[in-house]
Amino acid sequence: EIPVNVVELGLIYECNVIPGAGDKFDAAIKMTLTAPGCGMGPVLQEDARAKVAGLPSVDVVDVEIVLEPAWEPSMMTEAARLELGML
């Protein structure tokens, strides 16, 4: 929907990489949505999980949607605000 990635939008709150099986790593990600009722939530969650799971050194990926703290436009990078005409 938006031509800016979820990191630049400020939707990724936390990403932890933990030693996993063998030479692999597990990833635990906390992300949010621009609005609590966003219908794209499950799609964004699965997209994030699939992208990280596709990395060769990653084994298990857990992506949790959190709503606290609530997202606000000030969480976007300057580049994202510029891309969206918000500067």
Protein backbone atom coordinates (compact mmCIF):
# COMPACT_ATOMS: atom_id res chain seq x y z
CA GLU A 1 0.00 0.00 0.00
CA ILE A 2 2.73 2.46 0.99
CA PRO A 3 5.97 2.79 -1.01
CA VAL A 4 8.10 2.81 2.17
CA ASN A 5 9.41 -0.25 4.01
CA VAL A 6 8.27 -1.17 7.52
CA VAL A 7 11.63 -0.27 9.07
CA GLU A 8 11.59 3.25 7.61
CA LEU A 9 7.96 3.61 8.69
CA GLY A 10 9.01 2.88 12.27
CA LEU A 11 6.87 -0.25 12.56
CA ILE A 12 9.68 -2.50 13.81
CA TYR A 13 10.07 -1.97 17.54
CA GLU A 14 12.50 -4.76 18.38
CA CYS A 15 14.55 -7.43 16.65
CA ASN A 16 16.54 -9.94 18.68
CA VAL A 17 18.85 -12.53 17.16
CA ILE A 18 19.47 -15.57 19.35
CA PRO A 19 21.83 -18.52 18.76
CA GLY A 20 19.77 -21.40 17.39
CA ALA A 21 20.45 -24.92 16.20
CA GLY A 22 23.92 -25.57 14.80
CA ASP A 23 25.26 -22.55 12.94
CA LYS A 24 21.81 -21.00 12.61
CA PHE A 25 20.10 -18.20 14.49
CA ASP A 26 16.55 -17.57 15.67
CA ALA A 27 14.92 -14.16 15.34
CA ALA A 28 12.30 -12.61 17.60
CA ILE A 29 10.69 -9.50 16.15
CA LYS A 30 8.16 -7.11 17.68
CA MET A 31 6.36 -4.89 15.24
CA THR A 32 3.33 -2.68 15.25
CA LEU A 33 0.76 -1.33 12.85
CA THR A 34 -0.09 2.24 11.90
CA ALA A 35 -3.57 1.67 13.37
CA PRO A 36 -4.86 -1.07 15.72
CA GLY A 37 -7.59 -2.18 13.31
CA CYS A 38 -5.34 -2.32 10.24
CA GLY A 39 -6.52 -5.20 8.08
CA MET A 40 -3.03 -5.62 6.66
CA GLY A 41 -1.65 -6.74 10.05
CA PRO A 42 -1.53 -10.48 9.31
CA VAL A 43 -0.09 -9.83 5.82
CA LEU A 44 2.66 -7.55 7.15
CA GLN A 45 3.41 -10.02 9.94
CA GLU A 46 3.78 -12.93 7.50
CA ASP A 47 5.80 -10.84 5.04
CA ALA A 48 8.26 -9.91 7.79
CA ARG A 49 8.47 -13.52 8.96
CA ALA A 50 9.03 -14.84 5.43
CA LYS A 51 11.71 -12.26 4.55
CA VAL A 52 13.75 -12.97 7.68
CA ALA A 53 13.20 -16.75 7.41
CA GLY A 54 14.59 -16.58 3.87
CA LEU A 55 18.02 -15.56 5.15
CA PRO A 56 20.42 -18.52 4.97
CA SER A 57 21.62 -18.23 8.57
CA VAL A 58 18.13 -18.03 10.12
CA ASP A 59 16.27 -21.04 11.52
CA VAL A 60 13.18 -19.94 13.49
CA VAL A 61 11.43 -16.57 13.21
CA ASP A 62 8.76 -15.27 15.57
CA VAL A 63 7.02 -12.02 14.63
CA GLU A 64 4.73 -10.58 17.28
CA ILE A 65 2.33 -7.69 16.63
CA VAL A 66 2.28 -5.28 19.58
CA LEU A 67 0.18 -2.14 19.92
CA GLU A 68 2.04 -0.45 22.78
CA PRO A 69 3.46 2.03 22.41
CA ALA A 70 1.02 3.21 19.81
CA TRP A 71 2.62 4.08 16.48
CA GLU A 72 2.69 7.73 15.45
CA PRO A 73 4.11 9.48 12.37
CA SER A 74 7.08 10.87 14.31
CA MET A 75 8.42 7.28 14.43
CA MET A 76 9.13 7.39 10.69
CA THR A 77 12.60 8.18 9.46
CA GLU A 78 13.22 11.49 7.76
CA ALA A 79 13.62 9.61 4.47
CA ALA A 80 10.18 8.03 4.88
CA ARG A 81 8.55 11.36 5.68
CA LEU A 82 10.22 12.89 2.62
CA GLU A 83 9.07 9.99 0.39
CA LEU A 84 5.50 10.42 1.64
CA GLY A 85 5.53 14.21 1.30
CA MET A 86 5.28 14.78 5.04
CA LEU A 87 8.25 17.18 5.40
